[in-house]
Amino acid sequence: MVGSTSVSRSSTTTEAPSLQARARELVDGLENLLGSLFAEAAGADPDDPWPRVAAGLVVSAYRTTYITTARRILAGERFDDVIDDHIALLNRSFDALDRALASG
């Protein structure tokens, strides 16, 4: 979930190249973990790229939602005024992913 403290930290992260690199590493690690968990849950072959594709889509949906909300807060909107939109965008994103991934 996004909060005013985490948004303040993300503002610092976007300005420091070393922190940007570390953030990318963390996202890659999360994607790899999710891909492994998805593959295990589906009983997929370790070489099957589909669980990794699914993990990338999930991480991208969350990252895009987080960044959208963070930009609004950094622009001066109050957390309480954006949280409902944040949750709605997450729900829309994950509903769309659920439909898309079910057809894969």
Protein backbone atom coordinates (compact mmCIF):
# COMPACT_ATOMS: atom_id res chain seq x y z
CA MET A 1 0.00 0.00 0.00
CA VAL A 2 1.13 3.54 -0.53
CA GLY A 3 1.45 6.03 2.29
CA SER A 4 2.80 9.54 2.66
CA THR A 5 6.05 8.29 4.25
CA SER A 6 6.74 5.76 1.50
CA VAL A 7 6.00 8.42 -1.14
CA SER A 8 8.53 10.76 0.47
CA ARG A 9 11.12 7.99 0.31
CA SER A 10 10.23 7.24 -3.32
CA SER A 11 10.88 10.90 -4.16
CA THR A 12 14.40 10.52 -2.76
CA THR A 13 14.85 7.26 -4.67
CA THR A 14 13.99 8.87 -8.01
CA GLU A 15 16.77 11.40 -7.52
CA ALA A 16 19.64 9.06 -6.55
CA PRO A 17 21.08 6.77 -9.27
CA SER A 18 22.39 4.24 -6.75
CA LEU A 19 18.98 4.00 -5.11
CA GLN A 20 17.32 3.70 -8.52
CA ALA A 21 19.57 0.74 -9.31
CA ARG A 22 18.77 -0.88 -5.98
CA ALA A 23 15.04 -0.35 -6.55
CA ARG A 24 15.35 -2.07 -9.96
CA GLU A 25 17.16 -4.99 -8.30
CA LEU A 26 14.38 -5.34 -5.75
CA VAL A 27 11.71 -5.28 -8.46
CA ASP A 28 13.63 -7.90 -10.47
CA GLY A 29 13.89 -10.07 -7.36
CA LEU A 30 10.17 -9.73 -6.72
CA GLU A 31 9.40 -10.64 -10.33
CA ASN A 32 11.65 -13.70 -10.13
CA LEU A 33 10.07 -14.82 -6.87
CA LEU A 34 6.53 -14.35 -8.19
CA GLY A 35 7.45 -16.15 -11.41
CA SER A 36 8.79 -19.10 -9.41
CA LEU A 37 5.72 -19.17 -7.19
CA PHE A 38 3.37 -18.96 -10.17
CA ALA A 39 5.27 -21.79 -11.92
CA GLU A 40 5.15 -23.94 -8.80
CA ALA A 41 1.44 -23.30 -8.24
CA ALA A 42 0.66 -24.14 -11.86
CA GLY A 43 2.97 -27.15 -11.99
CA ALA A 44 4.67 -25.50 -14.96
CA ASP A 45 7.94 -26.63 -16.47
CA PRO A 46 10.88 -24.56 -15.11
CA ASP A 47 11.66 -23.42 -18.67
CA ASP A 48 8.11 -22.22 -19.32
CA PRO A 49 8.27 -18.42 -19.72
CA TRP A 50 4.54 -17.87 -19.06
CA PRO A 51 4.79 -17.70 -15.23
CA ARG A 52 7.55 -15.08 -15.57
CA VAL A 53 5.42 -13.11 -18.05
CA ALA A 54 2.51 -13.23 -15.60
CA ALA A 55 4.77 -12.08 -12.75
CA GLY A 56 6.05 -9.17 -14.86
CA LEU A 57 2.50 -8.06 -15.62
CA VAL A 58 1.50 -8.19 -11.95
CA VAL A 59 4.56 -6.21 -10.85
CA SER A 60 4.02 -3.68 -13.63
CA ALA A 61 0.38 -3.16 -12.66
CA TYR A 62 1.31 -2.53 -9.05
CA ARG A 63 4.27 -0.29 -9.92
CA THR A 64 2.17 1.82 -12.30
CA THR A 65 -0.57 2.21 -9.69
CA TYR A 66 1.95 3.14 -7.00
CA ILE A 67 3.67 5.72 -9.22
CA THR A 68 0.33 7.23 -10.26
CA THR A 69 -0.67 7.67 -6.64
CA ALA A 70 2.77 8.88 -5.54
CA ARG A 71 2.75 11.60 -8.21
CA ARG A 72 -0.59 12.86 -6.98
CA ILE A 73 0.63 13.00 -3.38
CA LEU A 74 3.88 14.70 -4.38
CA ALA A 75 1.80 17.23 -6.31
CA GLY A 76 0.08 18.15 -3.05
CA GLU A 77 -2.99 15.94 -2.87
CA ARG A 78 -3.72 14.42 0.51
CA PHE A 79 -3.33 10.68 1.05
CA ASP A 80 -6.93 10.43 2.24
CA ASP A 81 -8.07 12.02 -1.02
CA VAL A 82 -6.22 9.57 -3.30
CA ILE A 83 -6.40 6.23 -1.48
CA ASP A 84 -9.81 5.26 -2.89
CA ASP A 85 -8.56 5.92 -6.45
CA HIS A 86 -5.40 3.92 -5.65
CA ILE A 87 -7.43 0.92 -4.52
CA ALA A 88 -9.83 1.22 -7.46
CA LEU A 89 -6.94 1.29 -9.97
CA LEU A 90 -5.34 -1.75 -8.32
CA ASN A 91 -8.64 -3.61 -8.48
CA ARG A 92 -9.21 -2.68 -12.14
CA SER A 93 -5.64 -3.66 -13.01
CA PHE A 94 -5.78 -7.01 -11.26
CA ASP A 95 -9.25 -7.78 -12.64
CA ALA A 96 -7.91 -7.12 -16.15
CA LEU A 97 -4.85 -9.28 -15.46
CA ASP A 98 -7.02 -12.06 -14.11
CA ARG A 99 -9.03 -12.11 -17.34
CA ALA A 100 -5.95 -11.84 -19.54
CA LEU A 101 -3.91 -14.47 -17.72
CA ALA A 102 -6.82 -16.91 -17.62
CA SER A 103 -6.74 -17.06 -21.41
CA GLY A 104 -2.99 -17.83 -21.46
